[in-house]
Protein backbone atom coordinates (compact mmCIF):
# COMPACT_ATOMS: atom_id res chain seq x y z
CA MET A 1 143.18 77.28 98.90
CA VAL A 2 145.14 78.94 96.36
CA ARG A 3 145.54 76.04 94.22
CA ILE A 4 142.04 75.36 94.33
CA LEU A 5 141.17 79.16 93.01
CA VAL A 6 144.22 78.90 90.00
CA LYS A 7 142.53 75.40 89.21
CA LYS A 8 139.04 77.06 88.81
CA GLN A 9 140.25 80.15 87.05
CA LEU A 10 142.06 77.80 84.42
CA ALA A 11 139.07 75.58 84.24
CA GLU A 12 137.01 79.08 83.24
CA VAL A 13 139.72 80.02 80.53
CA PHE A 14 139.96 76.53 79.24
CA LYS A 15 135.90 75.78 79.60
CA SER A 16 135.07 75.25 75.89
CA TYR A 17 137.72 72.64 75.60
CA PHE A 18 135.53 70.48 78.02
CA TYR A 19 132.33 71.74 77.72
CA ASP A 20 130.17 71.81 74.40
CA ALA A 21 128.16 75.03 74.84
CA LYS A 22 126.43 74.04 71.39
CA LYS A 23 124.99 70.92 72.82
CA ASN A 24 124.49 71.87 76.10
CA ARG A 25 126.42 69.07 77.76
CA MET A 26 130.22 67.94 78.70
CA ARG A 27 132.40 66.62 75.84
CA SER A 28 133.40 63.19 75.16
CA LYS A 29 137.02 62.13 76.34
CA LEU A 30 137.70 61.94 72.34
CA ALA A 31 136.41 65.01 72.02
CA ILE A 32 138.29 66.62 74.83
CA ALA A 33 141.51 64.68 73.66
CA GLY A 34 141.04 66.04 70.36
CA TRP A 35 140.41 69.76 71.62
CA ILE A 36 143.83 69.41 73.63
CA VAL A 37 145.49 68.22 70.79
CA PHE A 38 144.55 71.18 68.74
CA PHE A 39 145.61 73.80 71.12
CA ILE A 40 149.13 72.01 71.42
CA LEU A 41 149.21 72.12 67.61
CA ILE A 42 148.22 75.94 67.28
CA MET A 43 150.41 77.09 70.22
CA VAL A 44 153.35 74.63 69.70
CA GLY A 45 153.31 73.46 65.90
CA LEU A 46 152.13 76.74 64.41
CA LEU A 47 153.20 79.90 66.97
CA GLY A 48 156.28 78.22 67.94
CA GLY A 49 156.97 76.87 64.86
CA ALA A 50 156.99 80.39 63.29
CA PHE A 51 159.03 82.06 66.08
CA THR A 52 161.70 79.14 65.95
CA ALA A 53 161.82 79.91 62.03
CA LEU A 54 162.23 83.69 63.10
CA SER A 55 164.96 83.08 65.85
CA LEU A 56 166.96 80.94 62.73
CA THR A 57 166.69 83.95 60.52
CA LEU A 58 167.85 86.47 63.06
CA CYS A 59 170.43 84.22 65.36
CA GLY A 60 173.17 83.28 63.19
CA GLY A 61 173.94 86.57 61.62
CA LEU A 62 173.27 88.90 64.89
CA THR A 63 175.21 86.32 66.63
CA GLN A 64 178.33 86.48 64.44
CA ALA A 65 178.29 90.17 63.90
CA GLY A 66 178.76 90.38 68.20
CA LEU A 67 175.14 91.77 68.46
CA GLY A 68 173.29 88.83 70.38
CA TRP A 69 172.15 91.16 72.87
CA MET A 70 170.25 92.87 69.80
CA TYR A 71 168.53 89.56 69.03
CA PHE A 72 167.75 88.82 72.82
CA LEU A 73 166.24 92.31 72.83
CA LEU A 74 164.22 91.30 69.49
CA MET A 75 163.05 88.46 70.68
CA GLY A 76 162.42 89.45 74.26
CA GLY A 77 160.59 92.53 73.08
CA ILE A 78 157.95 90.16 70.53
CA ALA A 79 157.49 87.84 73.79
CA ILE A 80 156.42 90.86 76.05
CA ILE A 81 153.82 92.40 73.36
CA LEU A 82 152.43 88.92 72.45
CA GLY A 83 151.91 87.94 76.12
CA ALA A 84 150.58 91.38 77.49
CA PHE A 85 148.27 91.99 74.97
CA GLY A 86 147.34 88.23 74.57
CA SER A 87 146.53 88.18 78.30
CA VAL A 88 145.03 91.49 78.61
CA PHE A 89 141.43 90.65 78.20
CA ASN A 90 141.90 87.95 80.55
CA THR A 91 143.45 89.58 83.09
CA TYR A 92 140.48 92.54 82.89
CA ALA A 93 137.93 89.51 82.93
CA GLY A 94 139.86 87.36 85.39
CA LEU A 95 141.28 89.56 87.69
CA TYR A 96 139.31 92.64 88.09
CA LEU A 97 135.94 92.36 86.71
CA SER A 98 135.36 88.21 87.19
CA LYS A 99 131.84 87.59 87.20
CA ASP A 100 132.28 85.68 90.54
CA ASN A 101 133.84 88.61 92.49
CA ASP A 102 130.41 88.79 94.94
CA LEU A 103 130.65 85.17 95.18
CA LEU A 104 134.37 84.43 96.24
CA LEU A 105 134.11 88.16 98.47
CA SER A 106 131.27 86.69 100.07
CA LEU A 107 133.21 83.50 101.09
CA PRO A 108 135.82 83.28 104.19
CA ILE A 109 138.60 83.42 102.08
CA PRO A 110 141.12 86.31 102.55
CA VAL A 111 141.28 89.24 100.01
CA GLN A 112 145.25 88.47 99.64
CA THR A 113 144.13 84.47 98.75
CA ILE A 114 141.85 85.78 95.97
CA ILE A 115 144.30 88.29 94.24
CA THR A 116 147.47 85.61 94.46
CA ALA A 117 145.13 82.93 92.78
CA ARG A 118 144.01 85.30 89.94
CA LEU A 119 147.78 86.68 89.69
CA ALA A 120 148.81 83.19 89.03
CA ASN A 121 146.24 82.85 86.48
CA VAL A 122 147.25 85.85 84.55
CA TRP A 123 151.01 84.81 85.37
CA LEU A 124 150.72 81.42 83.32
CA MET A 125 148.68 82.98 80.77
CA GLY A 126 151.03 85.39 80.23
CA THR A 127 153.71 82.59 80.28
CA LEU A 128 152.27 80.56 78.03
CA TYR A 129 152.50 82.74 75.14
CA VAL A 130 156.18 83.88 76.14
CA THR A 131 157.25 80.51 76.15
CA VAL A 132 156.45 79.81 72.46
CA VAL A 133 158.58 82.80 71.47
CA LEU A 134 161.21 82.92 73.72
CA LEU A 135 161.93 79.12 74.72
CA PRO A 136 163.21 78.34 71.14
CA ALA A 137 164.90 81.85 70.99
CA ILE A 138 166.93 81.16 73.72
CA VAL A 139 167.72 77.23 73.01
CA ILE A 140 168.29 78.12 69.29
CA TYR A 141 171.27 81.01 70.38
CA TRP A 142 172.51 77.81 72.89
CA ILE A 143 173.08 75.78 70.11
CA ILE A 144 174.47 78.16 67.63
CA SER A 145 176.75 80.19 70.14
CA GLY A 146 177.50 77.19 72.16
CA ILE A 147 176.19 76.49 75.49
CA THR A 148 177.73 77.34 79.19
CA ALA A 149 176.65 76.98 82.68
CA GLY A 150 176.49 81.01 82.85
CA LYS A 151 174.48 81.25 79.54
CA VAL A 152 172.00 78.49 80.87
CA ILE A 153 171.67 80.44 84.19
CA CYS A 154 171.00 83.92 82.79
CA GLY A 155 168.64 82.45 80.07
CA ILE A 156 166.71 81.01 82.72
CA ILE A 157 166.64 84.43 84.44
CA LEU A 158 165.88 86.26 80.99
CA TYR A 159 162.80 83.85 80.73
CA LEU A 160 161.55 84.65 84.35
CA VAL A 161 162.12 88.36 84.14
CA VAL A 162 160.15 88.38 80.81
CA THR A 163 157.22 86.59 82.05
CA LEU A 164 157.05 89.20 85.24
CA ILE A 165 156.99 92.20 82.93
CA VAL A 166 153.90 90.45 81.15
CA LEU A 167 152.60 89.98 84.20
CA LEU A 168 153.06 93.48 85.06
CA LEU A 169 151.86 95.03 81.81
CA SER A 170 148.88 92.99 81.79
CA CYS A 171 147.91 94.21 85.31
CA LEU A 172 148.35 97.74 84.07
CA LEU A 173 146.61 97.14 80.92
CA GLY A 174 143.61 95.46 82.71
CA TRP A 175 143.43 98.17 85.09
CA VAL A 176 143.07 100.15 82.21
CA VAL A 177 140.47 98.24 80.44
CA ALA A 178 138.37 97.74 83.25
CA LYS A 179 138.30 101.50 84.43
CA ILE A 180 137.18 102.30 81.03
CA SER A 181 134.77 99.75 80.92
CA LEU A 182 133.31 100.57 83.93
CA ARG A 183 132.40 104.31 82.73
CA LEU A 184 130.94 102.86 79.39
CA LYS A 185 126.76 102.39 78.63
CA ASN A 186 127.70 100.36 75.67
CA ARG A 187 130.70 98.11 75.88
CA SER A 188 130.47 96.16 72.62
CA PHE A 189 131.02 98.87 70.21
CA ILE A 190 134.42 99.56 72.16
CA THR A 191 135.09 95.65 71.96
CA VAL A 192 134.57 95.66 68.29
CA LEU A 193 136.70 98.92 67.77
CA VAL A 194 139.51 97.25 70.23
CA SER A 195 139.40 94.26 68.26
CA LEU A 196 139.50 95.29 64.72
CA LEU A 197 142.58 97.58 65.69
CA PHE A 198 144.21 94.60 67.23
CA PHE A 199 143.47 92.70 63.91
CA GLY A 200 144.51 95.48 61.77
CA GLY A 201 147.94 96.37 63.47
CA TYR A 202 148.43 92.28 63.59
CA TYR A 203 148.09 92.23 59.61
CA PHE A 204 150.11 95.18 59.35
CA PHE A 205 152.94 94.42 61.04
CA TYR A 206 152.55 90.63 59.73
CA PHE A 207 153.02 91.89 56.05
CA LYS A 208 155.80 94.32 57.22
CA ALA A 209 157.57 91.95 59.11
CA ASN A 210 160.07 90.67 56.39
CA ASP A 211 161.03 94.25 55.23
CA LEU A 212 161.72 95.05 59.05
CA ILE A 213 163.89 91.87 59.47
CA ARG A 214 165.57 92.64 56.35
CA ASP A 215 166.42 96.46 57.66
CA ILE A 216 167.31 95.30 61.15
CA ILE A 217 170.06 92.59 59.71
CA LEU A 218 171.46 94.92 57.11
CA ASN A 219 171.91 97.92 59.11
CA ALA A 220 172.28 96.24 62.95
CA GLU A 221 175.88 97.46 63.65
CA ALA A 222 174.16 101.41 63.23
CA TYR A 223 171.02 100.34 65.21
CA GLY A 224 173.43 98.88 68.10
CA GLU A 225 175.30 101.83 68.52
CA LYS A 226 172.30 103.86 68.81
CA LEU A 227 170.66 101.83 71.55
CA LYS A 228 173.86 101.81 73.39
CA GLY A 229 173.77 105.57 73.61
CA ALA A 230 170.20 106.18 73.76
CA ALA A 231 168.67 103.31 75.99
CA TYR A 232 171.38 101.41 77.39
CA GLY A 233 168.81 99.93 80.00
CA LEU A 234 167.74 97.88 76.65
CA TYR A 235 171.40 97.09 76.02
CA LEU A 236 171.45 95.55 79.61
CA PHE A 237 168.23 93.48 78.95
CA GLY A 238 170.06 91.94 75.53
CA ARG A 239 173.10 91.05 77.72
CA ILE A 240 171.26 88.84 80.21
CA GLY A 241 170.72 86.43 77.22
CA GLU A 242 174.38 86.52 76.31
CA GLY A 243 175.37 85.38 80.18
CA ASP A 244 176.14 88.46 81.86
CA PHE A 245 175.31 88.27 85.61
CA ALA A 246 175.55 92.15 86.49
CA ALA A 247 172.59 92.64 84.20
CA ALA A 248 170.27 89.62 85.09
CA ALA A 249 170.85 90.86 88.80
CA ILE A 250 170.12 94.42 88.01
CA PHE A 251 166.87 93.43 86.14
CA ALA A 252 165.98 90.46 88.65
CA ALA A 253 165.75 93.33 91.59
CA VAL A 254 163.62 95.87 89.42
CA THR A 255 161.45 93.39 88.42
CA ALA A 256 161.16 91.90 91.77
CA ALA A 257 160.59 95.39 93.26
CA LEU A 258 157.81 96.49 90.66
CA CYS A 259 156.23 93.57 91.21
CA LEU A 260 156.05 93.99 95.09
CA ILE A 261 154.69 97.26 94.24
CA VAL A 262 151.92 95.99 92.12
CA TRP A 263 151.03 93.65 94.83
CA ARG A 264 150.61 96.14 97.46
CA ILE A 265 148.54 98.66 94.67
CA LEU A 266 146.55 96.02 94.00
CA SER A 267 145.89 94.81 98.09
CA ARG A 268 144.65 98.47 98.21
CA SER A 269 142.57 98.81 95.23
CA PHE A 270 141.38 95.62 94.37
CA LEU A 271 137.89 95.54 96.44
CA ASN A 272 137.32 99.25 94.94
CA ILE A 273 137.29 97.85 91.36
CA ALA A 274 136.21 94.32 91.85
CA THR A 275 132.61 95.58 93.81
CA SER A 276 132.39 98.59 91.36
CA THR A 277 129.14 98.92 89.80
CA GLY A 278 129.90 101.34 86.87
CA LYS A 279 129.03 104.45 85.99
CA THR A 280 125.54 105.25 87.07
CA GLU A 281 123.29 108.65 86.17
CA HIS A 282 120.68 109.96 88.10
CA VAL A 283 118.25 111.01 85.46
CA ARG A 284 114.95 113.52 86.46
CA TYR A 285 111.98 112.19 84.73
CA VAL A 286 110.73 114.87 82.09
CA GLU A 287 107.32 114.25 80.58
CA LYS A 288 107.41 113.93 76.63
CA THR A 289 105.68 112.70 73.86
CA VAL A 290 106.84 109.58 72.66
CA ARG A 291 105.70 109.06 68.82
CA GLU A 292 104.05 105.52 68.29
CA LYS A 293 106.03 103.19 65.88
CA SER A 294 104.57 100.72 63.37
CA VAL A 295 104.99 97.01 64.23
CA PHE A 296 107.29 96.57 61.58
CA GLY A 297 109.41 99.62 63.21
CA ALA A 298 109.16 98.25 66.58
CA LEU A 299 110.31 94.53 65.28
CA LEU A 300 113.30 96.49 63.46
CA SER A 301 114.18 98.53 66.61
CA LYS A 302 114.26 95.45 68.55
CA GLU A 303 116.56 93.39 66.00
CA PHE A 304 118.78 96.36 65.34
CA GLY A 305 119.09 96.55 69.63
CA ARG A 306 120.04 92.91 69.61
CA PHE A 307 122.75 93.40 66.88
CA THR A 308 124.48 96.45 68.46
CA SER A 309 124.68 95.04 72.11
CA SER A 310 126.55 91.79 71.19
CA ALA A 311 130.54 92.18 70.16
CA ASN A 312 130.44 88.69 68.99
CA TYR A 313 127.58 89.15 66.67
CA MET A 314 128.79 92.21 64.96
CA LEU A 315 132.42 90.67 64.98
CA ASN A 316 131.47 87.76 63.25
CA CYS A 317 128.43 88.25 61.36
CA GLY A 318 129.13 92.04 60.46
CA LEU A 319 132.63 92.92 59.33
CA GLY A 320 131.01 93.25 55.84
CA VAL A 321 129.63 96.68 57.10
CA LEU A 322 133.08 98.05 57.33
CA LEU A 323 134.61 95.98 54.46
CA ILE A 324 132.30 96.88 51.90
CA PRO A 325 133.16 100.61 52.00
CA ALA A 326 136.31 99.96 52.22
CA VAL A 327 136.34 98.00 48.96
CA GLY A 328 134.74 101.09 47.58
CA VAL A 329 137.33 103.68 48.59
CA LEU A 330 140.00 101.12 47.69
CA LEU A 331 138.46 100.89 44.08
CA LEU A 332 137.94 104.84 43.94
CA ILE A 333 141.61 105.10 44.58
CA LYS A 334 143.36 102.30 42.90
CA GLY A 335 140.62 101.03 40.70
CA ARG A 336 141.57 102.17 37.31
CA VAL A 337 145.26 100.32 38.21
CA ILE A 338 143.69 97.27 39.31
CA CYS A 339 141.32 97.04 36.39
CA GLU A 340 144.13 97.59 33.67
CA ALA A 341 146.53 95.02 35.54
CA VAL A 342 143.81 92.43 34.87
CA GLU A 343 142.80 93.23 31.54
CA LYS A 344 146.38 92.69 30.83
CA ALA A 345 146.89 89.77 32.82
CA ILE A 346 143.98 88.16 31.19
CA SER A 347 143.46 89.56 27.58
CA GLY A 348 141.65 86.91 26.20
CA ARG A 349 138.58 87.69 28.40
CA PRO A 350 136.93 91.19 27.07
CA ASP A 351 135.87 93.11 29.82
CA CYS A 352 136.66 90.48 32.62
CA ALA A 353 137.79 93.51 34.84
CA ALA A 354 133.97 94.28 35.23
CA VAL A 355 132.97 90.86 36.12
CA LEU A 356 135.86 90.64 38.62
CA VAL A 357 134.99 93.92 40.43
CA CYS A 358 131.54 92.64 40.54
CA VAL A 359 132.53 89.38 42.15
CA ALA A 360 135.02 91.45 44.78
CA LEU A 361 131.83 93.54 45.78
CA CYS A 362 129.71 90.00 46.43
CA MET A 363 132.66 88.67 48.44
CA ALA A 364 132.91 91.54 50.81
CA ALA A 365 128.98 91.41 50.99
CA SER A 366 128.95 87.56 51.99
CA MET A 367 130.98 88.58 55.07
CA ASN A 368 127.59 89.84 56.59
CA ASP A 369 125.46 86.92 57.68
CA MET A 370 123.24 88.20 60.15
CA THR A 371 120.05 86.49 59.18
CA ALA A 372 121.69 83.11 59.65
CA PRO A 373 122.06 82.95 63.47
CA THR A 374 119.17 85.46 64.08
CA VAL A 375 116.33 83.12 64.75
CA SER A 376 119.02 80.53 66.88
CA LEU A 377 119.70 83.93 69.22
CA GLU A 378 116.52 84.06 70.45
CA GLY A 379 117.20 80.51 72.22
CA LYS A 380 115.26 80.07 75.19
CA SER A 381 113.00 83.47 74.64
CA LEU A 382 111.85 82.36 71.36
CA TRP A 383 108.41 81.94 73.00
CA ILE A 384 108.37 85.96 73.55
CA PRO A 385 108.28 86.72 69.59
CA GLN A 386 105.84 83.73 68.85
CA SER A 387 103.53 84.92 71.69
CA LEU A 388 102.97 88.47 70.05
CA PRO A 389 100.21 89.10 68.09
CA VAL A 390 102.23 90.04 64.94
CA GLU A 391 102.29 87.49 61.68
CA PRO A 392 105.27 85.40 62.06
CA GLY A 393 106.15 86.45 58.37
CA THR A 394 106.59 90.03 59.75
CA ILE A 395 109.04 88.83 62.22
CA LEU A 396 110.85 87.18 59.81
CA HIS A 397 111.16 90.17 57.23
CA ALA A 398 112.38 92.60 60.54
CA LYS A 399 114.88 89.98 61.06
CA MET A 400 116.07 90.12 57.45
CA ALA A 401 115.78 93.69 57.00
CA VAL A 402 118.67 94.53 59.31
CA GLN A 403 121.45 92.73 57.03
CA LEU A 404 119.67 94.38 54.08
CA ILE A 405 120.16 97.87 55.48
CA LEU A 406 123.30 97.30 56.99
CA THR A 407 124.69 95.48 53.68
CA GLY A 408 122.60 97.32 51.16
CA ILE A 409 123.24 101.07 52.12
CA PRO A 410 127.32 100.53 52.14
CA MET A 411 126.90 98.52 48.81
CA LEU A 412 125.39 101.47 47.18
CA LEU A 413 128.54 103.33 47.71
CA ALA A 414 130.63 100.71 46.76
CA ALA A 415 128.73 99.57 43.85
CA ALA A 416 128.68 103.22 42.37
CA CYS A 417 132.58 103.40 42.93
CA GLY A 418 133.20 100.12 40.98
CA ALA A 419 130.62 101.22 38.22
CA PHE A 420 132.21 104.63 37.79
CA ILE A 421 135.97 103.17 37.69
CA VAL A 422 135.39 100.12 35.57
CA PRO A 423 136.64 100.27 31.94
CA ALA A 424 133.40 98.87 30.37
CA SER A 425 130.76 99.41 28.28
CA ALA A 426 127.58 101.52 29.77
CA VAL A 427 125.66 98.28 30.15
CA ALA A 428 128.27 96.59 31.65
CA LYS A 429 128.77 99.51 34.41
CA VAL A 430 124.84 99.36 35.09
CA MET A 431 125.46 95.55 35.91
CA VAL A 432 128.56 96.26 37.96
CA PHE A 433 125.95 98.60 40.06
CA VAL A 434 123.12 96.16 40.17
CA MET A 435 124.44 92.68 40.34
CA PRO A 436 126.15 92.89 43.67
CA LEU A 437 122.78 94.91 45.33
CA VAL A 438 120.68 91.59 43.88
CA TYR A 439 123.41 89.51 45.80
CA VAL A 440 122.70 91.27 49.02
CA LEU A 441 118.95 90.41 48.80
CA PHE A 442 119.74 86.72 47.81
CA SER A 443 122.24 86.51 50.65
CA ALA A 444 119.96 87.77 53.30
CA VAL A 445 117.05 85.71 52.08
CA CYS A 446 119.09 82.43 52.07
CA GLY A 447 120.42 82.99 55.61
CA MET A 448 117.03 83.65 56.76
CA PHE A 449 115.91 80.36 54.63
CA ALA A 450 118.63 78.43 56.57
CA GLY A 451 118.12 80.37 59.92
CA VAL A 452 114.47 79.08 60.14
CA ARG A 453 115.23 75.27 58.59
CA MET A 454 118.39 74.82 60.96
CA PRO A 455 117.90 76.54 64.10
CA LEU A 456 120.06 76.08 67.31
CA LEU A 457 118.11 77.12 70.26
CA ASN A 458 119.67 75.04 73.15
CA TRP A 459 122.70 76.74 73.38
CA THR A 460 124.41 78.36 76.84
CA ASN A 461 126.69 80.66 75.10
CA GLU A 462 125.75 82.80 72.01
CA ILE A 463 129.00 82.05 70.38
CA ALA A 464 127.30 78.62 69.55
CA PRO A 465 124.52 79.72 66.77
CA ILE A 466 127.07 82.54 66.03
CA LYS A 467 129.83 80.59 64.87
CA GLN A 468 129.34 76.85 65.26
CA SER A 469 125.56 76.66 63.73
CA GLY A 470 124.89 74.34 60.33
CA ALA A 471 123.07 77.66 58.97
CA VAL A 472 126.07 79.78 59.36
CA ALA A 473 128.50 77.41 58.06
CA ILE A 474 126.45 76.88 55.09
CA ILE A 475 125.40 80.43 54.37
CA LEU A 476 129.31 81.54 54.96
CA TYR A 477 130.97 78.80 52.52
CA GLY A 478 128.04 78.22 50.45
CA GLY A 479 128.12 81.97 49.62
CA TRP A 480 131.88 81.74 48.87
CA GLY A 481 131.19 78.90 46.59
CA VAL A 482 128.76 80.51 44.59
CA ILE A 483 130.98 83.60 43.88
CA VAL A 484 133.80 81.35 42.90
CA ILE A 485 131.71 79.94 40.37
CA MET A 486 130.42 83.25 39.07
CA ALA A 487 134.01 84.22 38.40
CA GLY A 488 135.35 80.55 37.22
CA LEU A 489 132.34 80.02 34.78
CA TYR A 490 133.01 83.53 33.33
CA LEU A 491 136.76 82.77 32.55
CA LEU A 492 135.93 79.27 31.55
CA ILE A 493 132.99 80.16 29.11
CA GLY A 494 130.81 82.88 29.94
CA TYR A 495 132.96 85.31 28.24
CA ARG A 496 131.94 84.30 24.87
CA ILE A 497 128.31 86.28 25.58
CA GLY A 498 130.11 89.10 27.28
CA ALA A 499 130.04 90.56 30.44
CA ALA A 500 126.83 92.60 30.35
CA PRO A 501 125.00 89.78 29.68
CA TYR A 502 126.39 87.43 31.69
CA MET A 503 126.20 89.12 35.08
CA ALA A 504 122.35 89.97 34.08
CA CYS A 505 121.89 86.40 33.64
CA TRP A 506 123.47 86.07 37.15
CA SER A 507 121.04 88.66 38.53
CA ILE A 508 117.91 87.18 36.90
CA LEU A 509 119.01 83.79 38.40
CA LEU A 510 119.80 85.14 41.89
CA ALA A 511 116.58 87.68 41.99
CA LEU A 512 114.60 84.55 41.06
CA VAL A 513 115.79 82.34 43.95
CA SER A 514 115.39 85.31 46.10
CA PHE A 515 111.60 85.38 44.94
CA VAL A 516 110.97 82.00 45.59
CA LEU A 517 112.68 81.95 49.17
CA LEU A 518 110.59 85.30 50.05
CA LYS A 519 107.46 83.51 49.14
CA TRP A 520 108.17 80.24 51.17
CA LEU A 521 108.89 82.72 54.09
CA ASP A 522 105.82 84.21 54.11
CA THR A 523 104.11 80.69 53.75
CA GLY A 524 106.21 77.90 54.74
CA GLY A 525 108.58 79.89 56.65
CA ALA A 526 106.43 81.54 58.94
CA GLU A 527 104.85 78.26 59.71
CA ALA A 528 108.21 76.40 60.80
CA PHE A 529 109.04 79.77 63.00
CA SER A 530 105.60 79.43 64.88
CA SER A 531 106.23 75.89 65.39
CA LEU A 532 109.78 75.87 66.59
């Protein structure tokens, strides 16, 4: 039974490799093979290759300095962090708050069997991440320092200890996330916040990695002495990889004991967490007057509710809401220095900094593409807006207004910052302010046009219309293409007419295209929406 449940858990994790949510059917054998090869290339080729290169960088110098234990401490620490945070959400959803809890608990299956299967799934997912980091690290150490029976045995023990530590941390972090999740009314914002913090931390450490590695190599002996004195347990952990049987026995015993404790705690608390329904509030009805909304206002509120209720929608189609103000603040703080550097680097193109600042603002705006999937997200419920006694054009305008508001308001601030700092004439400053706002309108209208013309309605997972639809791909990559053409044409020939006239021409062109598409949305677009 445990084997069957583990197989079911793994099938849920890798469901997208075998089932096409966009077309609502199983993938062909060729497509499945292609997705599996793609997964192997990412995990083994990309991640495994990156950590193999890191191991080669660290191992030689630290081993020659007699600090092989520090090498294993660093690589083991990276494996633990990657494994724990890589599988924490799988633990949260697969161990504690799985969607099939009620079904499994209603079957004649012992609770301990369910816990065992889910812990096995968490361990396997964590082990997957640990393997791409620690396996090449251990093999490279054997190659450089020489291989012995003791090193092989202790290397295997180290690998198993790290996978169990990842399991323990995943269970702890997943429990924390599950507890917090049960107390939240709107979990989408928390998911978005955690995702953004994770990505921010990832890129911070990614760009700081070279400096950290260089500092560790240059000051390895000093750091080693401090760690031995202040954190002897970390020293023993690293010694396992060097073949220290005593250290391996200590950590194996401690890890096994902690796993036993976690098992006992889960056995007692699993039912309580798995059957929790979340925080409920008893609200006493109080009669109050509700102000009537206009038709457009009601539709707009509905569209905003759809956007804020989906973490996938916000993360994939609304990143510009945070990116645009960030670009504005960056321009306000470092903009003059950046503009001076650009003017010096491209001295033959007068006022090129103004055009490139404008292009940067448009690029930030292109990260918002809420309108492209908004029709497709109606899915099988499309009949509801179609049956309302409302003009179809009004529905499309309400959908488009979400992107205009969430992109236009931040752009007012960012464009004002760009116009303030750019070293150009007054007319060019005005165009730096105006052109990004026109692009916001152009992007929203084009997204609405593509969404109506290329709807994807037979999806079973909202990720399909948000990330895999043709409308989203065309708007995202097409928007980037337009922006690249803007910058390229100016650097090639546009500088001859000056920055202000050049941006004015683009603003007029984008405004005309937007006007034509708006007229189509009120006529042909409304008709097409009604007949979907």
